[in-house]
Amino acid sequence: MTILLNPKDYSGEFPDRRTDEIMRRTIDFFEAKGRGKSKKDDHERLWYVDFLEFQKREGVFSTLLTPEDYALDPDSRWDTWRNCAFNEITSFYGLAYWYTWQVSILGLGPIWMSGNEVVKTRTAKLLREGGIFAFGLSEKEHGADLYSTEMTLTPLGDGNYLANGRKYYIGNANEAALVSTFGKVAGSDDFAFFVVGDRDGNFEVVKNIVNSQNFVAEYALNDYPVTDREILSKGRDAWDSALNTVNIGKFNLGWASIGICTHAYYEAVDHASNRFLFDHYVTEFAHVRRMFADAYARLTAMKLFALRASDYMRSATADDRRYLLYNPMVKMKVTTQGEEVINLLWDVIAAKGFEKDMYFEAAARDIRALPKLEGTVHVNMALIMKFIPNFFFNPGRFPDIPKRDDAADDSFLFDQGPTRGLSKIQFHDFNIAYETADLPNLHVMKEQIELLKRLLVAAPPTGEQVEDFDFLLQLGELFTLVAYGQLIIESARIYDVPDYLLDYIFDFLVRDFSKFALQLYSKSSSTGTQMNICLSMIRKPVSDDAVYSKVVDEALSLKGRYRWND
């Protein structure tokens, strides 16, 4: 029984009727639109008016993205569990549909985090009217370097300002009801977040900077009038709301990868299973069977990790901020694993993956974007590295986190507090999860983990290596695998994943651990002690023909299970 999404046999398991209704009607919308029309819109780069009209008519964004305190309808709340499901469904049908939802989430973050009750009340009404939102953070010359922002608010007195500057790479800015815009107060070092919405005269949409269905704008404010009523936050609060908004939004990128890979997997397994070459079906070839086994195991692991990370996000408090490790891993690790899955499937279907009528053609293009948005892999790895000492050597004690699929409002996400002090965050002992399963490849990885800990104690990075981010990146990859495996084990128990599949997931994790150990060994600055320990980390997974056959059978059993309506 796979945990992968199948829109033809959808079971959302939501605690309320309204959520189930939204997911099913969204699936019905895309199935009725069909593959042909969706692909045509993609190729012609049409703005998705039909999808936006659908979500307006059904009140989708209003229900899913309005916190309970500002709800105009009884079922509205900010519920990460159901938002993950909507991420997965929209990306399953096309990244463009997911993207307009994603940048609305980013645009709403600084609003819901602010103390501006007037704007919050207005935002709830705009959502109910079908509005979408935008997040004006990046600039052409500075990217997401917040310190260097050139957007300025010039005070005029009596609570009035003029805003001047440009923002770049801003999704939805062509149609957003409100654009949350980050800048500085002129003549000071104070940051500010404010909303703009009036398109008359002083708000200029310069151009769409991408070649896609999405409208990713460069926009300019030219003496744009702002009052205190439009100010969301200033100073440190503005800075924190920028970073905390990204904390919420970047989590969604891993779910987009899961949706894309799942649809691409169905296409690939259907094609290969029905392709007869050299007197064999393609799925009879040994190398193809291996690629499907790996793609299926990696995709299942992606979803298991992201599901469990959602539990930690929903359960976060000021005293339990473990989500700040797991969240960037969903963005960084799950999205790069998505690239691995697409690469494996593409090697199977080869030239078929280029055909214009295939979903795969768009998947192969779009999967590359997700590791590069909301902070690159490298930026998120730099964040993750701060957690290594406490994770391995100073665990805390926390209550067990259950599966969080309850109909609750995730209010803490908009009250995360200061973004400082990451190195002080503690985690529960990762060994607890690793001791709950007795599987051959899990034991091999436990040995690799002990060697990694030895490396950190006996031969930690030198001063020169600390300055070499390329060196630290490989060390971070090894650390990431430990936390990745931990949450996969926890999630596998919740979702009744069979031991044979979990053991095969650790088969590829052992291989990945060996790969990154070899890369760390190969760095020019690696010391003799580091090299010796790295070599000892290189291990071969335990091979079991019975386990492998079960995984292959499960991977290929998805043949014919889903096909998008033409």
Protein backbone atom coordinates (compact mmCIF):
# COMPACT_ATOMS: atom_id res chain seq x y z
CA MET A 1 0.00 0.00 0.00
CA THR A 2 1.79 3.11 -1.22
CA ILE A 3 1.62 6.49 0.54
CA LEU A 4 1.92 8.32 -2.78
CA LEU A 5 -0.90 10.57 -3.99
CA ASN A 6 -3.29 9.08 -6.55
CA PRO A 7 -6.01 11.56 -7.59
CA LYS A 8 -8.06 8.73 -9.12
CA ASP A 9 -8.29 7.08 -5.72
CA TYR A 10 -8.03 10.02 -3.38
CA SER A 11 -8.26 9.59 0.36
CA GLY A 12 -7.32 12.74 2.24
CA GLU A 13 -8.27 11.56 5.74
CA PHE A 14 -9.22 15.03 6.94
CA PRO A 15 -11.15 15.62 10.16
CA ASP A 16 -13.63 18.04 8.56
CA ARG A 17 -15.87 17.89 5.54
CA ARG A 18 -14.87 21.30 4.17
CA THR A 19 -11.19 20.39 3.77
CA ASP A 20 -12.04 17.16 2.00
CA GLU A 21 -14.38 19.11 -0.28
CA ILE A 22 -11.64 21.58 -1.24
CA MET A 23 -9.14 18.86 -2.13
CA ARG A 24 -11.62 16.82 -4.14
CA ARG A 25 -12.96 19.83 -6.03
CA THR A 26 -9.40 20.92 -6.84
CA ILE A 27 -8.67 17.47 -8.24
CA ASP A 28 -11.94 17.57 -10.20
CA PHE A 29 -11.00 20.96 -11.65
CA PHE A 30 -7.67 19.70 -12.98
CA GLU A 31 -9.05 16.38 -14.19
CA ALA A 32 -11.83 18.19 -16.07
CA LYS A 33 -9.35 20.62 -17.58
CA GLY A 34 -7.30 17.65 -18.70
CA ARG A 35 -3.77 17.12 -19.83
CA GLY A 36 -4.22 18.56 -23.33
CA LYS A 37 -5.56 21.96 -22.25
CA SER A 38 -3.11 22.19 -19.34
CA LYS A 39 -0.14 21.43 -21.58
CA LYS A 40 -1.38 23.91 -24.19
CA ASP A 41 -1.62 26.65 -21.55
CA ASP A 42 1.88 25.80 -20.35
CA HIS A 43 3.38 25.97 -23.83
CA GLU A 44 1.58 29.22 -24.63
CA ARG A 45 2.52 30.65 -21.21
CA LEU A 46 -1.08 31.65 -20.43
CA TRP A 47 -1.82 33.33 -17.12
CA TYR A 48 -3.98 30.80 -15.23
CA VAL A 49 -7.17 32.83 -14.97
CA ASP A 50 -9.28 29.66 -14.90
CA PHE A 51 -7.50 28.36 -11.80
CA LEU A 52 -7.73 31.71 -10.03
CA GLU A 53 -11.44 31.92 -10.85
CA PHE A 54 -11.88 28.40 -9.50
CA GLN A 55 -10.15 29.17 -6.21
CA LYS A 56 -12.14 32.39 -5.88
CA ARG A 57 -15.44 30.62 -6.56
CA GLU A 58 -14.64 27.83 -4.11
CA GLY A 59 -13.05 30.09 -1.49
CA VAL A 60 -9.93 27.94 -1.47
CA PHE A 61 -7.23 30.44 -0.48
CA SER A 62 -9.62 32.15 1.94
CA THR A 63 -10.35 28.90 3.77
CA LEU A 64 -6.78 27.60 3.81
CA LEU A 65 -4.80 30.81 4.38
CA THR A 66 -6.87 32.83 6.88
CA PRO A 67 -5.83 32.28 10.52
CA GLU A 68 -8.65 31.44 12.87
CA ASP A 69 -8.61 34.82 14.64
CA TYR A 70 -9.48 36.60 11.38
CA ALA A 71 -11.70 33.94 9.83
CA LEU A 72 -14.86 35.04 8.07
CA ASP A 73 -15.97 31.44 7.66
CA PRO A 74 -16.15 28.67 10.30
CA ASP A 75 -13.69 26.35 8.49
CA SER A 76 -10.97 28.93 7.89
CA ARG A 77 -7.67 28.37 9.68
CA TRP A 78 -3.95 28.12 8.94
CA ASP A 79 -3.51 24.36 9.13
CA THR A 80 -0.14 23.10 7.87
CA TRP A 81 -1.43 19.53 7.53
CA ARG A 82 -4.04 20.41 4.93
CA ASN A 83 -1.81 23.05 3.31
CA CYS A 84 0.72 20.28 2.63
CA ALA A 85 -2.00 18.33 0.84
CA PHE A 86 -2.88 21.34 -1.30
CA ASN A 87 0.80 21.86 -2.12
CA GLU A 88 1.03 18.28 -3.30
CA ILE A 89 -2.15 18.36 -5.41
CA THR A 90 -1.45 21.65 -7.21
CA SER A 91 2.16 20.72 -8.05
CA PHE A 92 1.01 17.28 -9.20
CA TYR A 93 -0.85 19.04 -12.02
CA GLY A 94 1.59 21.85 -12.73
CA LEU A 95 4.14 23.95 -10.85
CA ALA A 96 2.57 27.19 -12.08
CA TYR A 97 -0.61 26.54 -10.09
CA TRP A 98 1.40 25.74 -6.99
CA TYR A 99 3.53 28.85 -7.48
CA THR A 100 0.69 31.36 -7.30
CA TRP A 101 -0.41 29.70 -4.04
CA GLN A 102 3.16 29.65 -2.71
CA VAL A 103 3.89 33.33 -3.30
CA SER A 104 0.51 34.21 -1.78
CA ILE A 105 1.67 32.42 1.37
CA LEU A 106 4.87 34.47 1.34
CA GLY A 107 2.96 37.70 0.82
CA LEU A 108 0.62 36.90 3.69
CA GLY A 109 3.41 36.07 6.14
CA PRO A 110 4.44 39.66 7.06
CA ILE A 111 0.76 40.62 7.32
CA TRP A 112 -0.30 37.86 9.72
CA MET A 113 2.91 38.39 11.75
CA SER A 114 2.28 42.11 12.14
CA GLY A 115 0.40 44.04 14.77
CA ASN A 116 -1.53 45.98 12.14
CA GLU A 117 -5.13 44.92 12.81
CA VAL A 118 -6.52 47.17 10.07
CA VAL A 119 -4.47 45.44 7.37
CA LYS A 120 -5.22 42.01 8.82
CA THR A 121 -8.97 42.61 8.73
CA ARG A 122 -8.68 43.98 5.20
CA THR A 123 -6.61 40.97 4.14
CA ALA A 124 -9.23 38.51 5.36
CA LYS A 125 -11.83 40.31 3.24
CA LEU A 126 -9.52 40.36 0.20
CA LEU A 127 -8.91 36.62 0.56
CA ARG A 128 -12.65 36.03 0.69
CA GLU A 129 -12.98 38.03 -2.52
CA GLY A 130 -10.46 35.70 -4.21
CA GLY A 131 -7.38 37.87 -3.85
CA ILE A 132 -3.82 36.61 -4.33
CA PHE A 133 -0.76 38.14 -2.67
CA ALA A 134 2.90 38.91 -3.27
CA PHE A 135 6.14 39.17 -1.27
CA GLY A 136 8.33 42.13 -2.24
CA LEU A 137 11.69 41.16 -0.78
CA SER A 138 14.29 40.49 -3.48
CA GLU A 139 16.00 43.16 -5.57
CA LYS A 140 17.75 42.83 -8.90
CA GLU A 141 21.20 43.89 -7.72
CA HIS A 142 21.06 42.44 -4.22
CA GLY A 143 18.92 39.31 -4.42
CA ALA A 144 17.73 38.44 -0.91
CA ASP A 145 20.55 40.39 0.79
CA LEU A 146 18.24 42.28 3.14
CA TYR A 147 20.97 44.53 4.50
CA SER A 148 21.50 46.05 1.06
CA THR A 149 17.88 46.85 0.21
CA GLU A 150 17.49 50.07 -1.77
CA MET A 151 13.73 50.34 -1.31
CA THR A 152 13.23 53.41 0.90
CA LEU A 153 10.42 54.96 2.90
CA THR A 154 10.94 58.70 3.23
CA PRO A 155 9.03 60.21 6.20
CA LEU A 156 6.98 63.30 5.40
CA GLY A 157 5.62 63.79 8.93
CA ASP A 158 2.19 63.09 10.43
CA GLY A 159 2.47 59.38 9.64
CA ASN A 160 2.96 59.87 5.90
CA TYR A 161 5.76 58.51 3.71
CA LEU A 162 6.85 58.22 0.10
CA ALA A 163 8.18 54.84 -1.06
CA ASN A 164 10.78 54.63 -3.81
CA GLY A 165 12.68 51.69 -5.24
CA ARG A 166 12.39 48.48 -7.22
CA LYS A 167 11.78 44.87 -6.40
CA TYR A 168 12.69 41.94 -8.61
CA TYR A 169 11.56 38.34 -8.98
CA ILE A 170 8.21 38.97 -7.32
CA GLY A 171 5.57 36.40 -8.19
CA ASN A 172 1.91 37.53 -8.46
CA ALA A 173 2.89 41.23 -8.38
CA ASN A 174 0.88 41.86 -11.56
CA GLU A 175 -2.43 40.93 -9.90
CA ALA A 176 -1.79 40.80 -6.13
CA ALA A 177 -4.41 42.41 -3.94
CA LEU A 178 -1.59 43.45 -1.61
CA VAL A 179 2.18 43.28 -1.99
CA SER A 180 4.11 43.06 1.27
CA THR A 181 7.18 45.18 0.57
CA PHE A 182 10.47 45.27 2.50
CA GLY A 183 12.65 48.38 2.68
CA LYS A 184 14.43 50.86 4.92
CA VAL A 185 13.30 54.11 6.47
CA ALA A 186 15.31 56.84 4.73
CA GLY A 187 18.05 58.41 6.83
CA SER A 188 18.19 55.46 9.25
CA ASP A 189 19.13 51.80 9.50
CA ASP A 190 15.57 50.84 10.43
CA PHE A 191 13.94 48.19 8.27
CA ALA A 192 10.24 48.34 7.45
CA PHE A 193 7.54 46.15 5.96
CA PHE A 194 4.56 47.86 4.37
CA VAL A 195 1.76 46.90 1.99
CA VAL A 196 1.04 48.39 -1.39
CA GLY A 197 -1.99 47.69 -3.51
CA ASP A 198 -2.96 50.73 -5.54
CA ARG A 199 -1.93 50.19 -9.19
CA ASP A 200 -2.62 53.79 -10.25
CA GLY A 201 0.37 55.81 -11.35
CA ASN A 202 2.97 55.27 -8.67
CA PHE A 203 3.07 51.46 -8.82
CA GLU A 204 4.74 50.34 -12.05
CA VAL A 205 4.85 46.72 -13.15
CA VAL A 206 8.01 46.94 -15.23
CA LYS A 207 7.95 43.49 -16.83
CA ASN A 208 7.58 39.77 -16.39
CA ILE A 209 11.15 38.52 -16.02
CA VAL A 210 10.48 34.80 -16.66
CA ASN A 211 9.32 32.77 -19.65
CA SER A 212 6.47 30.80 -18.12
CA GLN A 213 2.78 30.90 -17.18
CA ASN A 214 3.73 32.67 -13.98
CA PHE A 215 4.07 36.43 -13.81
CA VAL A 216 7.27 37.03 -11.86
CA ALA A 217 7.57 40.76 -11.84
CA GLU A 218 9.99 43.54 -11.58
CA TYR A 219 8.00 46.38 -10.06
CA ALA A 220 8.85 49.94 -9.17
CA LEU A 221 7.43 52.34 -6.60
CA ASN A 222 7.80 55.95 -7.67
CA ASP A 223 6.90 58.36 -4.86
CA TYR A 224 4.28 55.84 -3.83
CA PRO A 225 2.28 57.28 -0.88
CA VAL A 226 2.30 55.17 2.29
CA THR A 227 0.76 55.97 5.66
CA ASP A 228 1.09 54.42 9.09
CA ARG A 229 -2.04 52.45 8.26
CA GLU A 230 -0.02 50.48 5.67
CA ILE A 231 3.05 49.90 7.85
CA LEU A 232 3.26 46.29 9.03
CA SER A 233 6.44 46.36 11.10
CA LYS A 234 9.66 48.29 11.64
CA GLY A 235 13.17 47.64 12.91
CA ARG A 236 13.99 44.20 14.25
CA ASP A 237 10.35 43.11 13.93
CA ALA A 238 10.49 43.73 10.17
CA TRP A 239 13.73 41.79 9.88
CA ASP A 240 12.35 38.86 11.87
CA SER A 241 9.11 38.77 9.93
CA ALA A 242 11.06 38.57 6.67
CA LEU A 243 13.07 35.55 7.83
CA ASN A 244 10.17 33.90 9.64
CA THR A 245 7.99 34.25 6.55
CA VAL A 246 10.63 32.42 4.55
CA ASN A 247 10.68 29.76 7.30
CA ILE A 248 7.01 29.10 6.58
CA GLY A 249 7.16 29.42 2.81
CA LYS A 250 10.28 27.41 2.00
CA PHE A 251 8.75 24.32 3.60
CA ASN A 252 6.28 24.19 0.70
CA LEU A 253 9.02 23.68 -1.89
CA GLY A 254 9.69 20.13 -0.76
CA TRP A 255 5.99 19.33 -1.13
CA ALA A 256 6.04 20.75 -4.65
CA SER A 257 8.87 18.35 -5.48
CA ILE A 258 6.84 15.46 -4.08
CA GLY A 259 3.83 16.35 -6.23
CA ILE A 260 5.90 16.74 -9.40
CA CYS A 261 7.82 13.50 -8.88
CA THR A 262 4.68 11.51 -8.11
CA HIS A 263 2.98 12.48 -11.38
CA ALA A 264 6.19 11.92 -13.33
CA TYR A 265 6.56 8.50 -11.72
CA TYR A 266 3.11 7.37 -12.89
CA GLU A 267 3.93 8.43 -16.45
CA ALA A 268 7.33 6.76 -16.43
CA VAL A 269 6.17 3.43 -15.02
CA ASP A 270 3.26 3.30 -17.48
CA HIS A 271 5.53 3.99 -20.44
CA ALA A 272 8.24 1.53 -19.43
CA SER A 273 5.79 -1.24 -18.54
CA ASN A 274 4.17 -1.06 -21.96
CA ARG A 275 7.37 -0.66 -23.99
CA PHE A 276 8.57 -3.89 -25.67
CA LEU A 277 12.20 -3.89 -26.86
CA PHE A 278 14.66 -6.67 -27.74
CA ASP A 279 12.05 -9.34 -26.92
CA HIS A 280 11.49 -7.94 -23.41
CA TYR A 281 9.33 -5.38 -21.71
CA VAL A 282 11.55 -2.52 -20.56
CA THR A 283 10.70 -3.23 -16.91
CA GLU A 284 12.30 -6.67 -17.25
CA PHE A 285 15.77 -5.19 -17.70
CA ALA A 286 17.85 -5.40 -14.53
CA HIS A 287 19.11 -1.81 -14.66
CA VAL A 288 15.60 -0.45 -15.21
CA ARG A 289 14.26 -2.43 -12.26
CA ARG A 290 17.04 -0.97 -10.12
CA MET A 291 16.22 2.56 -11.24
CA PHE A 292 12.52 2.15 -10.46
CA ALA A 293 13.32 0.65 -7.06
CA ASP A 294 15.57 3.59 -6.23
CA ALA A 295 13.17 6.21 -7.59
CA TYR A 296 10.24 4.72 -5.68
CA ALA A 297 12.20 4.40 -2.42
CA ARG A 298 13.59 7.93 -2.67
CA LEU A 299 10.17 9.40 -3.44
CA THR A 300 8.56 7.51 -0.57
CA ALA A 301 11.32 8.74 1.75
CA MET A 302 10.77 12.33 0.59
CA LYS A 303 7.13 12.17 1.57
CA LEU A 304 7.77 10.34 4.85
CA PHE A 305 10.25 13.00 5.92
CA ALA A 306 8.04 15.92 4.87
CA LEU A 307 5.01 14.45 6.65
CA ARG A 308 6.94 14.11 9.89
CA ALA A 309 8.50 17.55 9.57
CA SER A 310 4.96 18.93 9.36
CA ASP A 311 4.21 17.40 12.77
CA TYR A 312 7.14 19.30 14.29
CA MET A 313 6.11 22.56 12.63
CA ARG A 314 2.57 22.26 13.96
CA SER A 315 3.79 21.39 17.46
CA ALA A 316 6.41 24.15 17.68
CA THR A 317 6.57 26.50 20.65
CA ALA A 318 9.03 29.07 21.97
CA ASP A 319 10.61 26.20 23.92
CA ASP A 320 10.55 23.66 21.09
CA ARG A 321 12.03 25.01 17.88
CA ARG A 322 13.24 21.74 16.39
CA TYR A 323 11.28 22.60 13.27
CA LEU A 324 14.01 25.10 12.37
CA LEU A 325 16.24 22.14 11.42
CA TYR A 326 13.59 19.98 9.79
CA ASN A 327 11.97 22.86 7.89
CA PRO A 328 15.05 23.87 5.81
CA MET A 329 15.69 20.18 5.22
CA VAL A 330 12.30 19.86 3.54
CA LYS A 331 13.34 22.76 1.34
CA MET A 332 16.92 21.60 0.76
CA LYS A 333 17.04 17.81 1.06
CA VAL A 334 13.62 16.90 -0.29
CA THR A 335 13.99 19.15 -3.34
CA THR A 336 17.44 17.80 -4.24
CA GLN A 337 16.12 14.27 -3.78
CA GLY A 338 13.37 15.27 -6.21
CA GLU A 339 16.04 15.98 -8.81
CA GLU A 340 17.49 12.52 -8.16
CA VAL A 341 14.10 10.89 -8.70
CA ILE A 342 13.50 12.71 -11.99
CA ASN A 343 17.02 11.83 -13.18
CA LEU A 344 16.40 8.13 -12.48
CA LEU A 345 13.03 8.15 -14.25
CA TRP A 346 14.41 10.12 -17.19
CA ASP A 347 17.17 7.56 -17.67
CA VAL A 348 14.40 4.96 -17.98
CA ILE A 349 12.11 6.75 -20.42
CA ALA A 350 14.91 8.58 -22.27
CA ALA A 351 13.66 10.54 -25.31
CA LYS A 352 10.04 10.11 -24.24
CA GLY A 353 10.74 12.66 -21.53
CA PHE A 354 11.16 15.40 -24.14
CA GLU A 355 7.80 14.91 -25.83
CA LYS A 356 5.61 17.99 -25.59
CA ASP A 357 2.43 16.14 -24.64
CA MET A 358 4.01 14.45 -21.63
CA TYR A 359 3.69 15.84 -18.11
CA PHE A 360 7.29 14.68 -17.73
CA GLU A 361 8.58 17.35 -20.10
CA ALA A 362 7.43 20.07 -17.67
CA ALA A 363 8.48 18.04 -14.62
CA ALA A 364 12.06 17.74 -15.87
CA ARG A 365 12.17 21.52 -16.34
CA ASP A 366 10.42 22.56 -13.14
CA ILE A 367 12.08 20.15 -10.69
CA ARG A 368 15.32 22.11 -11.16
CA ALA A 369 13.78 25.32 -9.87
CA LEU A 370 12.80 24.18 -6.41
CA PRO A 371 16.28 23.76 -4.85
CA LYS A 372 17.07 27.27 -6.06
CA LEU A 373 14.09 29.20 -4.64
CA GLU A 374 13.57 30.68 -1.13
CA GLY A 375 17.30 30.41 -0.42
CA THR A 376 19.66 28.13 -2.33
CA VAL A 377 20.72 24.72 -1.07
CA HIS A 378 23.94 26.37 0.12
CA VAL A 379 22.12 29.05 2.13
CA ASN A 380 19.96 26.46 3.84
CA MET A 381 22.96 24.23 4.50
CA ALA A 382 24.71 27.15 6.22
CA LEU A 383 21.68 27.43 8.49
CA ILE A 384 21.59 23.69 9.18
CA MET A 385 25.27 23.58 10.17
CA LYS A 386 24.50 25.66 13.27
CA PHE A 387 22.59 22.72 14.76
CA ILE A 388 25.33 20.06 14.59
CA PRO A 389 26.87 20.39 18.11
CA ASN A 390 23.59 20.22 20.04
CA PHE A 391 22.09 17.59 17.75
CA PHE A 392 24.90 15.09 18.32
CA PHE A 393 26.30 15.98 21.71
CA ASN A 394 23.74 17.89 23.77
CA PRO A 395 20.25 16.42 23.31
CA GLY A 396 17.28 17.74 25.26
CA ARG A 397 14.17 16.03 26.59
CA PHE A 398 10.88 16.64 24.80
CA PRO A 399 7.46 15.02 24.84
CA ASP A 400 6.70 12.70 21.95
CA ILE A 401 5.15 14.48 18.99
CA PRO A 402 2.13 12.60 17.57
CA LYS A 403 0.81 12.68 14.04
CA ARG A 404 -0.66 16.19 13.73
CA ASP A 405 -3.60 15.87 11.38
CA ASP A 406 -6.03 17.58 13.76
CA ALA A 407 -8.11 20.58 12.70
CA ALA A 408 -6.05 23.15 14.62
CA ASP A 409 -4.88 26.66 13.78
CA ASP A 410 -1.07 26.84 13.66
CA SER A 411 -0.91 30.22 15.38
CA PHE A 412 2.72 29.89 16.55
CA LEU A 413 3.96 30.19 12.98
CA PHE A 414 2.94 33.85 13.07
CA ASP A 415 4.46 34.40 16.50
CA GLN A 416 7.85 32.71 16.07
CA GLY A 417 9.76 35.45 17.84
CA PRO A 418 13.39 36.47 17.24
CA THR A 419 15.41 34.69 14.57
CA ARG A 420 18.55 34.68 16.71
CA GLY A 421 19.95 31.93 18.91
CA LEU A 422 19.78 29.02 16.47
CA SER A 423 22.91 27.40 17.89
CA LYS A 424 21.16 27.10 21.29
CA ILE A 425 18.25 25.03 19.97
CA GLN A 426 18.21 21.47 21.30
CA PHE A 427 16.82 18.27 19.80
CA HIS A 428 15.67 14.95 21.19
CA ASP A 429 18.19 12.12 21.04
CA PHE A 430 18.20 10.84 17.46
CA ASN A 431 19.27 7.41 18.73
CA ILE A 432 15.76 6.87 20.12
CA ALA A 433 14.38 6.54 16.58
CA TYR A 434 17.32 4.49 15.31
CA GLU A 435 16.88 1.97 18.14
CA THR A 436 13.24 1.27 17.24
CA ALA A 437 14.03 -0.73 14.11
CA ASP A 438 16.16 -3.84 13.66
CA LEU A 439 17.04 -3.76 9.97
CA PRO A 440 20.35 -4.68 8.29
CA ASN A 441 20.95 -1.44 6.41
CA LEU A 442 19.82 0.70 9.31
CA HIS A 443 22.55 -0.97 11.39
CA VAL A 444 25.12 -0.17 8.71
CA MET A 445 24.12 3.48 8.76
CA LYS A 446 24.31 3.56 12.57
CA GLU A 447 27.96 2.51 12.23
CA GLN A 448 28.53 5.31 9.71
CA ILE A 449 26.92 7.81 12.09
CA GLU A 450 29.24 6.78 14.92
CA LEU A 451 32.20 7.37 12.62
CA LEU A 452 30.85 10.81 11.71
CA LYS A 453 30.64 11.65 15.41
CA ARG A 454 34.23 10.43 15.82
CA LEU A 455 35.28 12.74 13.00
CA LEU A 456 33.61 15.71 14.70
CA VAL A 457 35.39 14.98 17.98
CA ALA A 458 38.81 13.72 16.86
CA ALA A 459 39.29 15.78 13.71
CA PRO A 460 36.84 18.71 13.60
CA PRO A 461 37.16 21.28 10.81
CA THR A 462 40.30 23.39 11.06
CA GLY A 463 40.20 27.19 10.97
CA GLU A 464 40.96 27.09 7.26
CA GLN A 465 38.23 24.51 6.62
CA VAL A 466 35.66 26.55 8.55
CA GLU A 467 36.24 29.31 6.00
CA ASP A 468 35.90 26.84 3.11
CA PHE A 469 32.17 26.45 2.55
CA ASP A 470 32.74 23.77 -0.08
CA PHE A 471 34.31 21.62 2.65
CA LEU A 472 31.52 22.38 5.12
CA LEU A 473 28.89 21.58 2.51
CA GLN A 474 29.99 17.94 2.34
CA LEU A 475 30.13 17.71 6.14
CA GLY A 476 26.64 19.19 6.25
CA GLU A 477 25.38 16.62 3.76
CA LEU A 478 26.55 13.83 6.08
CA PHE A 479 24.84 15.45 9.07
CA THR A 480 21.65 15.98 7.09
CA LEU A 481 21.41 12.27 6.29
CA VAL A 482 21.30 11.47 10.02
CA ALA A 483 18.30 13.72 10.69
CA TYR A 484 16.71 12.63 7.41
CA GLY A 485 16.88 8.98 8.43
CA GLN A 486 15.63 9.77 11.92
CA LEU A 487 12.37 11.37 10.80
CA ILE A 488 11.86 8.74 8.11
CA ILE A 489 11.95 6.04 10.80
CA GLU A 490 9.50 7.98 12.98
CA SER A 491 7.17 8.53 10.03
CA ALA A 492 7.39 4.95 8.80
CA ARG A 493 5.91 3.75 12.08
CA ILE A 494 3.04 6.23 11.83
CA TYR A 495 2.17 5.27 8.23
CA ASP A 496 2.77 1.51 8.55
CA VAL A 497 5.58 1.38 6.00
CA PRO A 498 6.71 -2.27 5.71
CA ASP A 499 10.16 -3.19 6.99
CA TYR A 500 11.37 -4.32 3.57
CA LEU A 501 10.76 -0.85 2.10
CA LEU A 502 12.28 0.91 5.10
CA ASP A 503 15.37 -1.31 4.86
CA TYR A 504 15.72 -0.46 1.17
CA ILE A 505 15.41 3.25 1.97
CA PHE A 506 18.40 2.79 4.25
CA ASP A 507 20.13 0.92 1.45
CA PHE A 508 20.26 4.12 -0.59
CA LEU A 509 20.99 6.24 2.50
CA VAL A 510 24.07 4.07 3.19
CA ARG A 511 25.16 4.60 -0.42
CA ASP A 512 24.61 8.35 -0.15
CA PHE A 513 26.54 8.44 3.13
CA SER A 514 29.46 6.71 1.41
CA LYS A 515 29.28 9.13 -1.52
CA PHE A 516 29.50 12.24 0.67
CA ALA A 517 32.23 10.66 2.82
CA LEU A 518 34.29 10.10 -0.32
CA GLN A 519 33.71 13.69 -1.43
CA LEU A 520 34.86 14.96 1.97
CA TYR A 521 37.91 12.68 1.77
CA SER A 522 38.74 14.14 -1.64
CA LYS A 523 38.83 17.78 -0.53
CA SER A 524 42.30 19.23 -0.94
CA SER A 525 42.32 20.52 2.64
CA SER A 526 41.30 17.23 4.29
CA THR A 527 43.78 16.15 6.97
CA GLY A 528 45.18 12.66 7.30
CA THR A 529 42.94 11.84 10.29
CA GLN A 530 39.88 13.16 8.49
CA MET A 531 40.72 11.13 5.39
CA ASN A 532 41.15 7.90 7.36
CA ILE A 533 37.82 8.33 9.15
CA CYS A 534 36.08 9.23 5.89
CA LEU A 535 37.40 6.07 4.26
CA SER A 536 36.07 4.00 7.14
CA MET A 537 32.60 5.54 6.54
CA ILE A 538 32.43 4.10 3.04
CA ARG A 539 30.26 1.02 3.41
CA LYS A 540 28.40 -1.32 1.13
CA PRO A 541 24.69 -1.83 1.83
CA VAL A 542 23.50 -5.26 2.89
CA SER A 543 22.00 -6.93 -0.16
CA ASP A 544 18.90 -9.08 0.25
CA ASP A 545 17.28 -10.46 -2.89
CA ALA A 546 13.94 -10.99 -1.15
CA VAL A 547 13.81 -7.38 0.09
CA TYR A 548 14.84 -6.05 -3.31
CA SER A 549 12.22 -8.12 -5.14
CA LYS A 550 9.46 -6.85 -2.88
CA VAL A 551 10.50 -3.23 -3.47
CA VAL A 552 10.65 -3.73 -7.23
CA ASP A 553 7.24 -5.40 -7.24
CA GLU A 554 5.75 -2.53 -5.23
CA ALA A 555 7.43 0.07 -7.42
CA LEU A 556 6.12 -1.51 -10.63
CA SER A 557 2.66 -2.17 -9.20
CA LEU A 558 1.80 1.49 -9.83
CA LYS A 559 1.51 0.70 -13.53
CA GLY A 560 -1.90 1.79 -14.81
CA ARG A 561 -2.94 3.27 -11.47
CA TYR A 562 -3.12 6.87 -12.66
CA ARG A 563 -3.45 8.54 -16.05
CA TRP A 564 -4.39 12.19 -16.50
CA ASN A 565 -7.61 12.72 -18.46
CA ASP A 566 -6.88 13.92 -21.97
